[in-house]
């Protein structure tokens, strides 16, 4: 299995507008270790490079049909930061100064999670650990 890791983020790079909301541990990862990494065959199972992050509301999510907006995190506040490879994304839900983790998927309603825990779990799964 081959993985690609981007060079660490520097002051000269274009940061997403939500960069200042990232948890400190995630910011350190991007500035000291990698600007994301992924399994080359599918560009999946790793933290997305900053340029590949996107707001979830950039796409239509049929899974939300029939749900009331109070039953799921607002898609305009969710930034995809990790692609699972199975149709799911680990996101940061940014609501003012509050930042929470969200799992967003094409086959089940989105739900809040502990971001760091899921990042660790999904990373271990992706590396086959």
C-alpha atoms as a PDB file:
ATOM      1  CA  UNK A   1       0.000   0.000   0.000  1.00  0.00           C
ATOM      2  CA  UNK A   2       1.324   3.405  -0.948  1.00  0.00           C
ATOM      3  CA  UNK A   3       0.458   6.651   0.764  1.00  0.00           C
ATOM      4  CA  UNK A   4       1.134  10.229  -0.236  1.00  0.00           C
ATOM      5  CA  UNK A   5       1.860  12.897   2.385  1.00  0.00           C
ATOM      6  CA  UNK A   6       1.946  16.590   1.631  1.00  0.00           C
ATOM      7  CA  UNK A   7       4.683  18.852   2.932  1.00  0.00           C
ATOM      8  CA  UNK A   8       3.803  20.716   6.136  1.00  0.00           C
ATOM      9  CA  UNK A   9       1.807  23.929   5.818  1.00  0.00           C
ATOM     10  CA  UNK A  10       3.809  27.154   5.867  1.00  0.00           C
ATOM     11  CA  UNK A  11       2.877  30.808   6.231  1.00  0.00           C
ATOM     12  CA  UNK A  12       2.887  31.172   2.441  1.00  0.00           C
ATOM     13  CA  UNK A  13       0.186  28.539   1.877  1.00  0.00           C
ATOM     14  CA  UNK A  14      -3.464  29.363   1.363  1.00  0.00           C
ATOM     15  CA  UNK A  15      -5.276  28.253   4.484  1.00  0.00           C
ATOM     16  CA  UNK A  16      -8.991  27.519   4.480  1.00  0.00           C
ATOM     17  CA  UNK A  17     -11.106  30.241   6.076  1.00  0.00           C
ATOM     18  CA  UNK A  18     -11.867  27.902   8.986  1.00  0.00           C
ATOM     19  CA  UNK A  19      -8.194  27.216   9.772  1.00  0.00           C
ATOM     20  CA  UNK A  20      -8.298  29.318  12.948  1.00  0.00           C
ATOM     21  CA  UNK A  21     -11.107  27.061  14.264  1.00  0.00           C
ATOM     22  CA  UNK A  22      -9.097  23.834  13.966  1.00  0.00           C
ATOM     23  CA  UNK A  23      -8.211  22.082  17.231  1.00  0.00           C
ATOM     24  CA  UNK A  24      -4.616  22.871  18.249  1.00  0.00           C
ATOM     25  CA  UNK A  25      -3.545  19.246  17.768  1.00  0.00           C
ATOM     26  CA  UNK A  26      -4.813  19.262  14.174  1.00  0.00           C
ATOM     27  CA  UNK A  27      -3.100  22.571  13.417  1.00  0.00           C
ATOM     28  CA  UNK A  28       0.184  21.159  14.772  1.00  0.00           C
ATOM     29  CA  UNK A  29      -0.243  18.060  12.572  1.00  0.00           C
ATOM     30  CA  UNK A  30      -0.643  20.203   9.456  1.00  0.00           C
ATOM     31  CA  UNK A  31       2.178  22.629  10.267  1.00  0.00           C
ATOM     32  CA  UNK A  32       4.743  20.171  11.664  1.00  0.00           C
ATOM     33  CA  UNK A  33       4.082  16.782  10.049  1.00  0.00           C
ATOM     34  CA  UNK A  34       1.963  16.699   6.882  1.00  0.00           C
ATOM     35  CA  UNK A  35      -0.522  18.725   4.882  1.00  0.00           C
ATOM     36  CA  UNK A  36      -2.718  15.651   4.869  1.00  0.00           C
ATOM     37  CA  UNK A  37      -1.960  12.193   3.554  1.00  0.00           C
ATOM     38  CA  UNK A  38      -3.940   9.502   1.819  1.00  0.00           C
ATOM     39  CA  UNK A  39      -3.876   6.086   0.223  1.00  0.00           C
ATOM     40  CA  UNK A  40      -2.856   6.868  -3.367  1.00  0.00           C
ATOM     41  CA  UNK A  41      -5.202   4.413  -5.104  1.00  0.00           C
ATOM     42  CA  UNK A  42      -8.329   6.214  -3.923  1.00  0.00           C
ATOM     43  CA  UNK A  43      -7.124   9.457  -2.339  1.00  0.00           C
ATOM     44  CA  UNK A  44      -8.854   8.174   0.805  1.00  0.00           C
ATOM     45  CA  UNK A  45      -8.370   6.968   4.388  1.00  0.00           C
ATOM     46  CA  UNK A  46      -6.386   9.925   5.570  1.00  0.00           C
ATOM     47  CA  UNK A  47      -6.615  13.544   6.670  1.00  0.00           C
ATOM     48  CA  UNK A  48      -7.396  15.618   3.584  1.00  0.00           C
ATOM     49  CA  UNK A  49      -4.856  18.138   2.318  1.00  0.00           C
ATOM     50  CA  UNK A  50      -6.108  21.641   3.150  1.00  0.00           C
ATOM     51  CA  UNK A  51      -6.871  22.399  -0.514  1.00  0.00           C
ATOM     52  CA  UNK A  52      -9.170  19.341  -0.700  1.00  0.00           C
ATOM     53  CA  UNK A  53     -11.281  20.170   2.348  1.00  0.00           C
ATOM     54  CA  UNK A  54     -14.802  21.314   1.573  1.00  0.00           C
ATOM     55  CA  UNK A  55     -18.021  22.349   3.221  1.00  0.00           C
ATOM     56  CA  UNK A  56     -20.496  19.498   3.230  1.00  0.00           C
ATOM     57  CA  UNK A  57     -23.228  21.711   1.788  1.00  0.00           C
ATOM     58  CA  UNK A  58     -21.242  21.830  -1.472  1.00  0.00           C
ATOM     59  CA  UNK A  59     -23.038  18.573  -2.381  1.00  0.00           C
ATOM     60  CA  UNK A  60     -26.577  17.220  -2.229  1.00  0.00           C
ATOM     61  CA  UNK A  61     -27.162  14.612   0.477  1.00  0.00           C
ATOM     62  CA  UNK A  62     -30.260  12.521  -0.188  1.00  0.00           C
ATOM     63  CA  UNK A  63     -29.853  10.983   3.254  1.00  0.00           C
ATOM     64  CA  UNK A  64     -31.290  14.220   4.677  1.00  0.00           C
ATOM     65  CA  UNK A  65     -34.575  13.824   2.773  1.00  0.00           C
ATOM     66  CA  UNK A  66     -37.406  13.336   5.220  1.00  0.00           C
ATOM     67  CA  UNK A  67     -35.374  14.596   8.198  1.00  0.00           C
ATOM     68  CA  UNK A  68     -36.127  17.822   9.992  1.00  0.00           C
ATOM     69  CA  UNK A  69     -33.168  20.279  10.051  1.00  0.00           C
ATOM     70  CA  UNK A  70     -33.073  19.983  13.844  1.00  0.00           C
ATOM     71  CA  UNK A  71     -32.261  16.261  13.480  1.00  0.00           C
ATOM     72  CA  UNK A  72     -28.784  16.737  12.012  1.00  0.00           C
ATOM     73  CA  UNK A  73     -25.824  19.138  12.213  1.00  0.00           C
ATOM     74  CA  UNK A  74     -26.042  22.050   9.788  1.00  0.00           C
ATOM     75  CA  UNK A  75     -24.197  21.113   6.573  1.00  0.00           C
ATOM     76  CA  UNK A  76     -23.057  24.710   6.006  1.00  0.00           C
ATOM     77  CA  UNK A  77     -21.086  24.464   9.272  1.00  0.00           C
ATOM     78  CA  UNK A  78     -19.448  21.109   8.516  1.00  0.00           C
ATOM     79  CA  UNK A  79     -16.013  21.004   6.883  1.00  0.00           C
ATOM     80  CA  UNK A  80     -14.874  17.607   5.601  1.00  0.00           C
ATOM     81  CA  UNK A  81     -11.351  16.896   6.890  1.00  0.00           C
ATOM     82  CA  UNK A  82     -11.004  13.121   6.382  1.00  0.00           C
ATOM     83  CA  UNK A  83     -12.335  10.832   3.632  1.00  0.00           C
ATOM     84  CA  UNK A  84     -13.042   7.291   4.830  1.00  0.00           C
ATOM     85  CA  UNK A  85     -13.082   5.606   1.446  1.00  0.00           C
ATOM     86  CA  UNK A  86     -16.492   4.111   2.159  1.00  0.00           C
ATOM     87  CA  UNK A  87     -18.591   7.174   1.380  1.00  0.00           C
ATOM     88  CA  UNK A  88     -18.098   8.801   4.767  1.00  0.00           C
ATOM     89  CA  UNK A  89     -16.350  11.918   5.976  1.00  0.00           C
ATOM     90  CA  UNK A  90     -15.088  13.014   9.339  1.00  0.00           C
ATOM     91  CA  UNK A  91     -15.936  16.687   9.653  1.00  0.00           C
ATOM     92  CA  UNK A  92     -15.441  19.624  11.924  1.00  0.00           C
ATOM     93  CA  UNK A  93     -18.751  21.287  12.797  1.00  0.00           C
ATOM     94  CA  UNK A  94     -17.943  24.932  13.433  1.00  0.00           C
ATOM     95  CA  UNK A  95     -20.539  26.961  15.289  1.00  0.00           C
ATOM     96  CA  UNK A  96     -18.961  30.229  16.410  1.00  0.00           C
ATOM     97  CA  UNK A  97     -16.183  29.258  18.809  1.00  0.00           C
ATOM     98  CA  UNK A  98     -17.653  25.777  19.338  1.00  0.00           C
ATOM     99  CA  UNK A  99     -16.042  23.018  17.261  1.00  0.00           C
ATOM    100  CA  UNK A 100     -17.301  19.439  17.325  1.00  0.00           C
ATOM    101  CA  UNK A 101     -16.743  16.317  15.278  1.00  0.00           C
ATOM    102  CA  UNK A 102     -19.370  14.977  12.889  1.00  0.00           C
ATOM    103  CA  UNK A 103     -19.510  11.806  10.841  1.00  0.00           C
ATOM    104  CA  UNK A 104     -21.199  12.554   7.533  1.00  0.00           C
ATOM    105  CA  UNK A 105     -22.150   9.681   5.269  1.00  0.00           C
ATOM    106  CA  UNK A 106     -24.182   9.020   2.155  1.00  0.00           C
ATOM    107  CA  UNK A 107     -26.037   6.109   3.752  1.00  0.00           C
ATOM    108  CA  UNK A 108     -26.920   7.203   7.300  1.00  0.00           C
ATOM    109  CA  UNK A 109     -27.879  10.492   8.953  1.00  0.00           C
ATOM    110  CA  UNK A 110     -24.937  12.572  10.214  1.00  0.00           C
ATOM    111  CA  UNK A 111     -24.147  12.500  13.911  1.00  0.00           C
ATOM    112  CA  UNK A 112     -21.845  14.210  16.397  1.00  0.00           C
ATOM    113  CA  UNK A 113     -18.731  12.361  17.613  1.00  0.00           C
ATOM    114  CA  UNK A 114     -15.546  13.059  19.523  1.00  0.00           C
ATOM    115  CA  UNK A 115     -13.355  14.293  16.667  1.00  0.00           C
ATOM    116  CA  UNK A 116      -9.991  13.138  18.052  1.00  0.00           C
ATOM    117  CA  UNK A 117     -11.264   9.659  18.884  1.00  0.00           C
ATOM    118  CA  UNK A 118     -12.713   9.133  15.416  1.00  0.00           C
ATOM    119  CA  UNK A 119      -9.626  10.580  13.751  1.00  0.00           C
ATOM    120  CA  UNK A 120      -7.518   7.992  15.608  1.00  0.00           C
ATOM    121  CA  UNK A 121      -9.892   5.121  14.819  1.00  0.00           C
ATOM    122  CA  UNK A 122     -10.244   5.961  11.131  1.00  0.00           C
ATOM    123  CA  UNK A 123      -6.491   6.483  10.795  1.00  0.00           C
ATOM    124  CA  UNK A 124      -5.801   3.063  12.322  1.00  0.00           C
ATOM    125  CA  UNK A 125      -8.352   1.416  10.025  1.00  0.00           C
ATOM    126  CA  UNK A 126      -6.848   3.197   7.025  1.00  0.00           C
ATOM    127  CA  UNK A 127      -3.352   2.027   7.849  1.00  0.00           C
ATOM    128  CA  UNK A 128      -4.567  -1.510   8.469  1.00  0.00           C
ATOM    129  CA  UNK A 129      -3.476  -1.439  12.104  1.00  0.00           C
END
